[in-house]
Amino acid sequence: MRTIILIILLNLGLSSIAQEQKPVISVLGMTHLHNPGADAVNMDMGNIHSDKRQAELKEVIRLVSGFKPTKIAIEMNRRDTLWSETYYKDFLNNTLEKTIREDDRSFMSSETVQVCYPLAKMMNHNKLYSIDTSANFNTDTVIAYAEKHNQTEELKEFENLIQTMQSDVEAIAKGSILEIIQFVNSENFDKNYNQRFYLKHLISFGKDDHYVGTQAVSEWYLRNLKIFTNLHRIVEPNDRILIIYGAGHKDILVDLIKDRIDWEYYDINQILHSK
């Protein structure tokens, strides 16, 4: 009997250790602070370097630091070391303003510099982790197909969605940065923007054996699957990894993370709303 009890206790102990070693992954969806105009819908928050916006950024960073990440993954190409290491070290040494190349200067307003760098510094990290990659996602061919093949009704609905999204983000851009980030990390944003954009409207383009909209969506999923693979390559036991990425990626990445039975997902909204 004593032997059986010891075996049970040992198994419980091993189970507890395995649970402790499970990496915890979270995703912070972001709007691009430097607004490069690269997305279907773009948000202009004005001067991100103003005293007001800087104070708002510090509040967001303070809240997000509550996750206590051991690694921060950023939206830079996986081969990048310039932003994940070189410029970050310059930031730590307070020399980034002097050392940054002129071609890169616009990125001083980006979430990489404005959010990722200060957060990584607060967490005493010596580098960040680039996990981005590219894909051939392009809606131009989809729109051209719709115009050529008389899918005017589908095209009108798609354009109305984009106009609604643009109007909504312009309205929310007037709020604080925390309010903006809460918005793009909300379930409402995922359902009414991400999911409707890809899984309702884009896939509606194409007829018979032509899947032009589906092909575009598959390219978007492929990019996110590659990002997920790059994430997989940096995950180690006991990690707490925070992915800071464009909010359009969040819905898919979260689904993939939740499907990993050996990982634990942490909903960043728990601390975004913890004021």
C-alpha atoms as a PDB file:
ATOM      1  CA  MET A   1       0.000   0.000   0.000  1.00  0.00           C
ATOM      2  CA  ARG A   2       2.817   2.370   0.916  1.00  0.00           C
ATOM      3  CA  THR A   3       4.513   1.624  -2.420  1.00  0.00           C
ATOM      4  CA  ILE A   4       1.325   2.450  -4.331  1.00  0.00           C
ATOM      5  CA  ILE A   5       0.952   5.754  -2.480  1.00  0.00           C
ATOM      6  CA  LEU A   6       4.563   6.682  -3.249  1.00  0.00           C
ATOM      7  CA  ILE A   7       4.059   5.915  -6.930  1.00  0.00           C
ATOM      8  CA  ILE A   8       0.929   8.077  -7.016  1.00  0.00           C
ATOM      9  CA  LEU A   9       2.710  10.938  -5.277  1.00  0.00           C
ATOM     10  CA  LEU A  10       5.679  10.609  -7.640  1.00  0.00           C
ATOM     11  CA  ASN A  11       3.412  10.739 -10.669  1.00  0.00           C
ATOM     12  CA  LEU A  12       1.638  13.778  -9.284  1.00  0.00           C
ATOM     13  CA  GLY A  13       5.001  15.446  -8.697  1.00  0.00           C
ATOM     14  CA  LEU A  14       6.177  14.730 -12.227  1.00  0.00           C
ATOM     15  CA  SER A  15       2.890  16.034 -13.594  1.00  0.00           C
ATOM     16  CA  SER A  16       3.333  19.236 -11.611  1.00  0.00           C
ATOM     17  CA  ILE A  17       6.891  19.691 -12.918  1.00  0.00           C
ATOM     18  CA  ALA A  18       5.700  19.162 -16.500  1.00  0.00           C
ATOM     19  CA  GLN A  19       2.994  21.758 -15.968  1.00  0.00           C
ATOM     20  CA  GLU A  20       5.526  24.249 -14.624  1.00  0.00           C
ATOM     21  CA  GLN A  21       7.737  23.768 -17.685  1.00  0.00           C
ATOM     22  CA  LYS A  22       4.949  24.491 -20.160  1.00  0.00           C
ATOM     23  CA  PRO A  23       5.841  27.742 -21.990  1.00  0.00           C
ATOM     24  CA  VAL A  24       3.329  30.574 -21.744  1.00  0.00           C
ATOM     25  CA  ILE A  25       2.649  32.585 -24.906  1.00  0.00           C
ATOM     26  CA  SER A  26       0.729  35.829 -25.267  1.00  0.00           C
ATOM     27  CA  VAL A  27      -0.012  38.120 -28.218  1.00  0.00           C
ATOM     28  CA  LEU A  28      -0.304  41.898 -28.060  1.00  0.00           C
ATOM     29  CA  GLY A  29      -2.004  43.123 -31.214  1.00  0.00           C
ATOM     30  CA  MET A  30      -0.778  46.547 -32.306  1.00  0.00           C
ATOM     31  CA  THR A  31      -1.703  49.258 -34.738  1.00  0.00           C
ATOM     32  CA  HIS A  32       1.437  50.442 -36.503  1.00  0.00           C
ATOM     33  CA  LEU A  33       2.435  53.581 -34.636  1.00  0.00           C
ATOM     34  CA  HIS A  34       4.437  55.006 -37.529  1.00  0.00           C
ATOM     35  CA  ASN A  35       1.524  54.336 -39.925  1.00  0.00           C
ATOM     36  CA  PRO A  36       3.471  53.290 -43.036  1.00  0.00           C
ATOM     37  CA  GLY A  37       0.276  52.938 -45.108  1.00  0.00           C
ATOM     38  CA  ALA A  38       1.075  49.322 -45.892  1.00  0.00           C
ATOM     39  CA  ASP A  39      -2.233  47.898 -44.647  1.00  0.00           C
ATOM     40  CA  ALA A  40      -5.750  47.926 -46.115  1.00  0.00           C
ATOM     41  CA  VAL A  41      -6.805  50.103 -43.183  1.00  0.00           C
ATOM     42  CA  ASN A  42      -4.383  52.506 -41.493  1.00  0.00           C
ATOM     43  CA  MET A  43      -4.589  54.527 -38.317  1.00  0.00           C
ATOM     44  CA  ASP A  44      -3.068  57.968 -37.824  1.00  0.00           C
ATOM     45  CA  MET A  45      -2.567  58.831 -34.147  1.00  0.00           C
ATOM     46  CA  GLY A  46      -0.803  62.093 -34.766  1.00  0.00           C
ATOM     47  CA  ASN A  47       2.571  62.868 -33.227  1.00  0.00           C
ATOM     48  CA  ILE A  48       3.569  59.766 -31.292  1.00  0.00           C
ATOM     49  CA  HIS A  49       6.454  61.731 -29.763  1.00  0.00           C
ATOM     50  CA  SER A  50       4.230  64.344 -28.101  1.00  0.00           C
ATOM     51  CA  ASP A  51       4.281  64.476 -24.309  1.00  0.00           C
ATOM     52  CA  LYS A  52       0.690  63.215 -24.195  1.00  0.00           C
ATOM     53  CA  ARG A  53       1.290  60.199 -26.424  1.00  0.00           C
ATOM     54  CA  GLN A  54       4.570  59.351 -24.683  1.00  0.00           C
ATOM     55  CA  ALA A  55       2.836  59.338 -21.304  1.00  0.00           C
ATOM     56  CA  GLU A  56       0.136  57.067 -22.753  1.00  0.00           C
ATOM     57  CA  LEU A  57       2.772  54.706 -24.135  1.00  0.00           C
ATOM     58  CA  LYS A  58       4.437  54.454 -20.726  1.00  0.00           C
ATOM     59  CA  GLU A  59       1.102  53.463 -19.194  1.00  0.00           C
ATOM     60  CA  VAL A  60       0.628  50.704 -21.788  1.00  0.00           C
ATOM     61  CA  ILE A  61       4.171  49.430 -21.243  1.00  0.00           C
ATOM     62  CA  ARG A  62       3.631  49.429 -17.481  1.00  0.00           C
ATOM     63  CA  LEU A  63       0.493  47.325 -17.850  1.00  0.00           C
ATOM     64  CA  VAL A  64       1.986  44.900 -20.371  1.00  0.00           C
ATOM     65  CA  SER A  65       5.086  44.418 -18.206  1.00  0.00           C
ATOM     66  CA  GLY A  66       2.776  42.618 -15.784  1.00  0.00           C
ATOM     67  CA  PHE A  67       2.978  39.584 -18.085  1.00  0.00           C
ATOM     68  CA  LYS A  68       6.697  39.397 -17.179  1.00  0.00           C
ATOM     69  CA  PRO A  69       7.922  38.114 -20.569  1.00  0.00           C
ATOM     70  CA  THR A  70      11.250  36.294 -20.772  1.00  0.00           C
ATOM     71  CA  LYS A  71      11.322  36.891 -24.545  1.00  0.00           C
ATOM     72  CA  ILE A  72       9.706  39.454 -26.823  1.00  0.00           C
ATOM     73  CA  ALA A  73       8.997  38.451 -30.437  1.00  0.00           C
ATOM     74  CA  ILE A  74       8.666  41.279 -32.958  1.00  0.00           C
ATOM     75  CA  GLU A  75       7.375  41.881 -36.480  1.00  0.00           C
ATOM     76  CA  MET A  76      10.736  41.928 -38.195  1.00  0.00           C
ATOM     77  CA  ASN A  77      12.089  39.413 -40.705  1.00  0.00           C
ATOM     78  CA  ARG A  78      13.477  36.346 -38.951  1.00  0.00           C
ATOM     79  CA  ARG A  79      16.937  37.015 -40.412  1.00  0.00           C
ATOM     80  CA  ASP A  80      16.988  40.501 -38.915  1.00  0.00           C
ATOM     81  CA  THR A  81      19.561  41.317 -36.295  1.00  0.00           C
ATOM     82  CA  LEU A  82      19.690  45.056 -36.990  1.00  0.00           C
ATOM     83  CA  TRP A  83      16.459  45.810 -35.102  1.00  0.00           C
ATOM     84  CA  SER A  84      16.441  42.832 -32.781  1.00  0.00           C
ATOM     85  CA  GLU A  85      20.008  43.288 -31.559  1.00  0.00           C
ATOM     86  CA  THR A  86      22.139  46.111 -33.041  1.00  0.00           C
ATOM     87  CA  TYR A  87      19.713  49.015 -32.758  1.00  0.00           C
ATOM     88  CA  TYR A  88      18.344  47.657 -29.496  1.00  0.00           C
ATOM     89  CA  LYS A  89      21.841  47.779 -27.982  1.00  0.00           C
ATOM     90  CA  ASP A  90      22.170  51.352 -29.230  1.00  0.00           C
ATOM     91  CA  PHE A  91      18.852  52.083 -27.533  1.00  0.00           C
ATOM     92  CA  LEU A  92      20.159  50.644 -24.268  1.00  0.00           C
ATOM     93  CA  ASN A  93      23.244  52.844 -24.597  1.00  0.00           C
ATOM     94  CA  ASN A  94      21.123  55.939 -25.395  1.00  0.00           C
ATOM     95  CA  THR A  95      22.874  56.339 -28.766  1.00  0.00           C
ATOM     96  CA  LEU A  96      20.135  55.205 -31.167  1.00  0.00           C
ATOM     97  CA  GLU A  97      19.299  58.756 -32.297  1.00  0.00           C
ATOM     98  CA  LYS A  98      22.915  59.166 -33.428  1.00  0.00           C
ATOM     99  CA  THR A  99      23.611  55.699 -34.850  1.00  0.00           C
ATOM    100  CA  ILE A 100      20.417  54.932 -36.749  1.00  0.00           C
ATOM    101  CA  ARG A 101      20.701  55.094 -40.530  1.00  0.00           C
ATOM    102  CA  GLU A 102      18.809  57.854 -42.284  1.00  0.00           C
ATOM    103  CA  ASP A 103      16.748  55.316 -44.244  1.00  0.00           C
ATOM    104  CA  ASP A 104      15.591  53.769 -40.958  1.00  0.00           C
ATOM    105  CA  ARG A 105      14.842  57.000 -39.112  1.00  0.00           C
ATOM    106  CA  SER A 106      11.084  56.844 -39.740  1.00  0.00           C
ATOM    107  CA  PHE A 107      11.010  53.650 -37.673  1.00  0.00           C
ATOM    108  CA  MET A 108      11.909  55.666 -34.592  1.00  0.00           C
ATOM    109  CA  SER A 109       8.133  56.137 -34.339  1.00  0.00           C
ATOM    110  CA  SER A 110       7.376  52.432 -34.747  1.00  0.00           C
ATOM    111  CA  GLU A 111       6.043  50.092 -32.066  1.00  0.00           C
ATOM    112  CA  THR A 112       9.404  48.311 -32.189  1.00  0.00           C
ATOM    113  CA  VAL A 113      11.184  51.372 -30.809  1.00  0.00           C
ATOM    114  CA  GLN A 114       8.317  52.917 -28.859  1.00  0.00           C
ATOM    115  CA  VAL A 115       6.952  49.777 -27.156  1.00  0.00           C
ATOM    116  CA  CYS A 116       9.176  46.733 -27.670  1.00  0.00           C
ATOM    117  CA  TYR A 117      12.474  48.400 -26.805  1.00  0.00           C
ATOM    118  CA  PRO A 118      11.358  50.071 -23.546  1.00  0.00           C
ATOM    119  CA  LEU A 119       9.552  46.909 -22.443  1.00  0.00           C
ATOM    120  CA  ALA A 120      12.573  44.714 -23.203  1.00  0.00           C
ATOM    121  CA  LYS A 121      14.778  47.142 -21.300  1.00  0.00           C
ATOM    122  CA  MET A 122      12.424  47.022 -18.318  1.00  0.00           C
ATOM    123  CA  MET A 123      12.621  43.214 -18.394  1.00  0.00           C
ATOM    124  CA  ASN A 124      16.455  43.293 -18.629  1.00  0.00           C
ATOM    125  CA  HIS A 125      16.498  41.494 -21.982  1.00  0.00           C
ATOM    126  CA  ASN A 126      19.680  41.605 -24.040  1.00  0.00           C
ATOM    127  CA  LYS A 127      17.908  41.157 -27.390  1.00  0.00           C
ATOM    128  CA  LEU A 128      14.545  40.731 -29.101  1.00  0.00           C
ATOM    129  CA  TYR A 129      13.402  37.919 -31.390  1.00  0.00           C
ATOM    130  CA  SER A 130      12.456  38.547 -35.024  1.00  0.00           C
ATOM    131  CA  ILE A 131       9.879  36.016 -36.265  1.00  0.00           C
ATOM    132  CA  ASP A 132       8.316  37.648 -39.333  1.00  0.00           C
ATOM    133  CA  THR A 133       8.343  36.415 -42.908  1.00  0.00           C
ATOM    134  CA  SER A 134       6.632  37.309 -46.177  1.00  0.00           C
ATOM    135  CA  ALA A 135       3.892  35.901 -48.392  1.00  0.00           C
ATOM    136  CA  ASN A 136       2.275  36.863 -51.702  1.00  0.00           C
ATOM    137  CA  PHE A 137      -0.889  38.284 -50.129  1.00  0.00           C
ATOM    138  CA  ASN A 138      -2.393  40.782 -52.554  1.00  0.00           C
ATOM    139  CA  THR A 139      -5.984  41.939 -52.961  1.00  0.00           C
ATOM    140  CA  ASP A 140      -5.318  43.757 -56.254  1.00  0.00           C
ATOM    141  CA  THR A 141      -5.743  40.553 -58.288  1.00  0.00           C
ATOM    142  CA  VAL A 142      -8.931  39.790 -56.369  1.00  0.00           C
ATOM    143  CA  ILE A 143     -10.445  43.181 -57.168  1.00  0.00           C
ATOM    144  CA  ALA A 144      -9.369  42.922 -60.813  1.00  0.00           C
ATOM    145  CA  TYR A 145     -11.058  39.527 -61.077  1.00  0.00           C
ATOM    146  CA  ALA A 146     -14.262  40.858 -59.481  1.00  0.00           C
ATOM    147  CA  GLU A 147     -14.400  43.760 -61.933  1.00  0.00           C
ATOM    148  CA  LYS A 148     -13.786  41.507 -64.930  1.00  0.00           C
ATOM    149  CA  HIS A 149     -16.240  38.766 -63.923  1.00  0.00           C
ATOM    150  CA  ASN A 150     -19.166  40.909 -62.822  1.00  0.00           C
ATOM    151  CA  GLN A 151     -18.904  40.326 -59.069  1.00  0.00           C
ATOM    152  CA  THR A 152     -19.979  43.910 -58.475  1.00  0.00           C
ATOM    153  CA  GLU A 153     -22.214  43.151 -55.492  1.00  0.00           C
ATOM    154  CA  GLU A 154     -19.450  41.255 -53.660  1.00  0.00           C
ATOM    155  CA  LEU A 155     -16.986  44.026 -54.508  1.00  0.00           C
ATOM    156  CA  LYS A 156     -19.347  46.710 -53.208  1.00  0.00           C
ATOM    157  CA  GLU A 157     -19.800  44.857 -49.892  1.00  0.00           C
ATOM    158  CA  PHE A 158     -16.037  44.403 -49.578  1.00  0.00           C
ATOM    159  CA  GLU A 159     -15.358  48.087 -50.251  1.00  0.00           C
ATOM    160  CA  ASN A 160     -18.083  49.084 -47.783  1.00  0.00           C
ATOM    161  CA  LEU A 161     -16.414  46.949 -45.116  1.00  0.00           C
ATOM    162  CA  ILE A 162     -13.046  48.617 -45.711  1.00  0.00           C
ATOM    163  CA  GLN A 163     -14.656  52.074 -45.584  1.00  0.00           C
ATOM    164  CA  THR A 164     -16.424  51.193 -42.324  1.00  0.00           C
ATOM    165  CA  MET A 165     -13.186  49.874 -40.838  1.00  0.00           C
ATOM    166  CA  GLN A 166     -11.322  53.020 -41.895  1.00  0.00           C
ATOM    167  CA  SER A 167     -14.005  55.273 -40.369  1.00  0.00           C
ATOM    168  CA  ASP A 168     -13.960  53.262 -37.138  1.00  0.00           C
ATOM    169  CA  VAL A 169     -10.188  53.382 -36.738  1.00  0.00           C
ATOM    170  CA  GLU A 170     -10.134  57.118 -37.453  1.00  0.00           C
ATOM    171  CA  ALA A 171     -12.679  57.582 -34.666  1.00  0.00           C
ATOM    172  CA  ILE A 172     -10.856  55.350 -32.181  1.00  0.00           C
ATOM    173  CA  ALA A 173      -7.537  57.060 -33.043  1.00  0.00           C
ATOM    174  CA  LYS A 174      -8.795  60.109 -31.151  1.00  0.00           C
ATOM    175  CA  GLY A 175      -8.700  58.133 -27.908  1.00  0.00           C
ATOM    176  CA  SER A 176      -5.716  57.228 -25.746  1.00  0.00           C
ATOM    177  CA  ILE A 177      -3.179  54.656 -26.902  1.00  0.00           C
ATOM    178  CA  LEU A 178      -4.441  52.262 -24.244  1.00  0.00           C
ATOM    179  CA  GLU A 179      -7.998  52.604 -25.582  1.00  0.00           C
ATOM    180  CA  ILE A 180      -6.725  52.012 -29.116  1.00  0.00           C
ATOM    181  CA  ILE A 181      -4.805  48.886 -28.086  1.00  0.00           C
ATOM    182  CA  GLN A 182      -7.752  47.595 -26.064  1.00  0.00           C
ATOM    183  CA  PHE A 183      -9.876  48.015 -29.192  1.00  0.00           C
ATOM    184  CA  VAL A 184      -7.557  46.126 -31.567  1.00  0.00           C
ATOM    185  CA  ASN A 185      -7.145  43.302 -29.032  1.00  0.00           C
ATOM    186  CA  SER A 186     -10.874  42.897 -28.448  1.00  0.00           C
ATOM    187  CA  GLU A 187     -13.079  39.999 -29.511  1.00  0.00           C
ATOM    188  CA  ASN A 188     -15.202  42.535 -31.371  1.00  0.00           C
ATOM    189  CA  PHE A 189     -12.196  43.518 -33.511  1.00  0.00           C
ATOM    190  CA  ASP A 190     -11.401  39.889 -34.337  1.00  0.00           C
ATOM    191  CA  LYS A 191     -14.973  38.997 -35.286  1.00  0.00           C
ATOM    192  CA  ASN A 192     -16.091  42.143 -37.077  1.00  0.00           C
ATOM    193  CA  TYR A 193     -12.826  43.072 -38.784  1.00  0.00           C
ATOM    194  CA  ASN A 194     -10.346  40.197 -39.146  1.00  0.00           C
ATOM    195  CA  GLN A 195     -12.805  37.349 -39.597  1.00  0.00           C
ATOM    196  CA  ARG A 196     -15.273  39.247 -41.787  1.00  0.00           C
ATOM    197  CA  PHE A 197     -12.460  40.616 -43.964  1.00  0.00           C
ATOM    198  CA  TYR A 198     -10.916  37.221 -44.730  1.00  0.00           C
ATOM    199  CA  LEU A 199     -13.512  34.542 -44.066  1.00  0.00           C
ATOM    200  CA  LYS A 200     -16.667  36.252 -45.309  1.00  0.00           C
ATOM    201  CA  HIS A 201     -15.751  38.806 -47.950  1.00  0.00           C
ATOM    202  CA  LEU A 202     -12.431  37.801 -49.518  1.00  0.00           C
ATOM    203  CA  ILE A 203     -13.410  34.164 -50.030  1.00  0.00           C
ATOM    204  CA  SER A 204     -16.573  35.269 -51.857  1.00  0.00           C
ATOM    205  CA  PHE A 205     -14.515  36.280 -54.903  1.00  0.00           C
ATOM    206  CA  GLY A 206     -14.242  33.643 -57.595  1.00  0.00           C
ATOM    207  CA  LYS A 207     -16.621  31.407 -59.512  1.00  0.00           C
ATOM    208  CA  ASP A 208     -16.757  27.722 -60.409  1.00  0.00           C
ATOM    209  CA  ASP A 209     -13.178  26.398 -60.332  1.00  0.00           C
ATOM    210  CA  HIS A 210     -11.694  29.844 -59.809  1.00  0.00           C
ATOM    211  CA  TYR A 211     -10.751  30.549 -56.163  1.00  0.00           C
ATOM    212  CA  VAL A 212      -9.026  33.911 -56.461  1.00  0.00           C
ATOM    213  CA  GLY A 213     -10.279  35.150 -53.082  1.00  0.00           C
ATOM    214  CA  THR A 214      -9.537  31.848 -51.383  1.00  0.00           C
ATOM    215  CA  GLN A 215      -6.028  31.924 -52.842  1.00  0.00           C
ATOM    216  CA  ALA A 216      -5.432  35.370 -51.340  1.00  0.00           C
ATOM    217  CA  VAL A 217      -6.678  34.210 -47.939  1.00  0.00           C
ATOM    218  CA  SER A 218      -4.488  31.104 -48.132  1.00  0.00           C
ATOM    219  CA  GLU A 219      -1.442  33.344 -48.646  1.00  0.00           C
ATOM    220  CA  TRP A 220      -2.366  35.277 -45.489  1.00  0.00           C
ATOM    221  CA  TYR A 221      -2.732  32.047 -43.536  1.00  0.00           C
ATOM    222  CA  LEU A 222       0.555  30.787 -44.972  1.00  0.00           C
ATOM    223  CA  ARG A 223       2.377  33.864 -43.717  1.00  0.00           C
ATOM    224  CA  ASN A 224       0.915  33.421 -40.251  1.00  0.00           C
ATOM    225  CA  LEU A 225       1.771  29.717 -40.253  1.00  0.00           C
ATOM    226  CA  LYS A 226       5.371  30.640 -41.101  1.00  0.00           C
ATOM    227  CA  ILE A 227       5.362  33.194 -38.266  1.00  0.00           C
ATOM    228  CA  PHE A 228       4.050  30.452 -35.990  1.00  0.00           C
ATOM    229  CA  THR A 229       6.862  28.144 -37.146  1.00  0.00           C
ATOM    230  CA  ASN A 230       9.436  30.840 -36.385  1.00  0.00           C
ATOM    231  CA  LEU A 231       7.854  31.216 -32.954  1.00  0.00           C
ATOM    232  CA  HIS A 232       8.104  27.457 -32.426  1.00  0.00           C
ATOM    233  CA  ARG A 233      11.831  27.670 -33.142  1.00  0.00           C
ATOM    234  CA  ILE A 234      12.503  30.077 -30.260  1.00  0.00           C
ATOM    235  CA  VAL A 235      10.235  28.518 -27.615  1.00  0.00           C
ATOM    236  CA  GLU A 236      11.921  26.791 -24.685  1.00  0.00           C
ATOM    237  CA  PRO A 237      10.545  25.302 -21.448  1.00  0.00           C
ATOM    238  CA  ASN A 238       9.621  27.901 -18.826  1.00  0.00           C
ATOM    239  CA  ASP A 239       9.520  30.687 -21.429  1.00  0.00           C
ATOM    240  CA  ARG A 240       7.013  33.494 -21.169  1.00  0.00           C
ATOM    241  CA  ILE A 241       6.946  34.878 -24.695  1.00  0.00           C
ATOM    242  CA  LEU A 242       5.131  38.058 -25.652  1.00  0.00           C
ATOM    243  CA  ILE A 243       4.478  38.467 -29.375  1.00  0.00           C
ATOM    244  CA  ILE A 244       4.002  42.127 -30.334  1.00  0.00           C
ATOM    245  CA  TYR A 245       2.482  42.176 -33.805  1.00  0.00           C
ATOM    246  CA  GLY A 246       0.099  43.954 -36.131  1.00  0.00           C
ATOM    247  CA  ALA A 247      -3.441  43.301 -34.898  1.00  0.00           C
ATOM    248  CA  GLY A 248      -4.436  41.716 -38.212  1.00  0.00           C
ATOM    249  CA  HIS A 249      -2.271  38.712 -37.313  1.00  0.00           C
ATOM    250  CA  LYS A 250      -3.558  38.238 -33.782  1.00  0.00           C
ATOM    251  CA  ASP A 251      -6.708  36.210 -34.444  1.00  0.00           C
ATOM    252  CA  ILE A 252      -4.902  33.487 -36.409  1.00  0.00           C
ATOM    253  CA  LEU A 253      -1.819  33.399 -34.181  1.00  0.00           C
ATOM    254  CA  VAL A 254      -3.929  33.023 -31.052  1.00  0.00           C
ATOM    255  CA  ASP A 255      -5.841  30.097 -32.593  1.00  0.00           C
ATOM    256  CA  LEU A 256      -2.577  28.366 -33.499  1.00  0.00           C
ATOM    257  CA  ILE A 257      -1.089  28.925 -30.042  1.00  0.00           C
ATOM    258  CA  LYS A 258      -4.210  27.576 -28.328  1.00  0.00           C
ATOM    259  CA  ASP A 259      -4.020  24.444 -30.478  1.00  0.00           C
ATOM    260  CA  ARG A 260      -0.569  23.582 -29.120  1.00  0.00           C
ATOM    261  CA  ILE A 261      -1.329  21.213 -26.247  1.00  0.00           C
ATOM    262  CA  ASP A 262       2.195  21.667 -24.889  1.00  0.00           C
ATOM    263  CA  TRP A 263       1.869  25.462 -24.685  1.00  0.00           C
ATOM    264  CA  GLU A 264      -0.257  27.680 -22.500  1.00  0.00           C
ATOM    265  CA  TYR A 265      -1.963  30.748 -23.948  1.00  0.00           C
ATOM    266  CA  TYR A 266      -2.285  33.907 -21.868  1.00  0.00           C
ATOM    267  CA  ASP A 267      -4.944  36.431 -22.891  1.00  0.00           C
ATOM    268  CA  ILE A 268      -3.273  39.853 -22.794  1.00  0.00           C
ATOM    269  CA  ASN A 269      -6.662  41.471 -22.182  1.00  0.00           C
ATOM    270  CA  GLN A 270      -6.401  40.341 -18.583  1.00  0.00           C
ATOM    271  CA  ILE A 271      -3.832  43.046 -17.962  1.00  0.00           C
ATOM    272  CA  LEU A 272      -4.902  45.566 -20.615  1.00  0.00           C
ATOM    273  CA  HIS A 273      -8.092  46.047 -18.581  1.00  0.00           C
ATOM    274  CA  SER A 274      -6.498  45.788 -15.136  1.00  0.00           C
ATOM    275  CA  LYS A 275      -6.272  49.525 -14.357  1.00  0.00           C
END
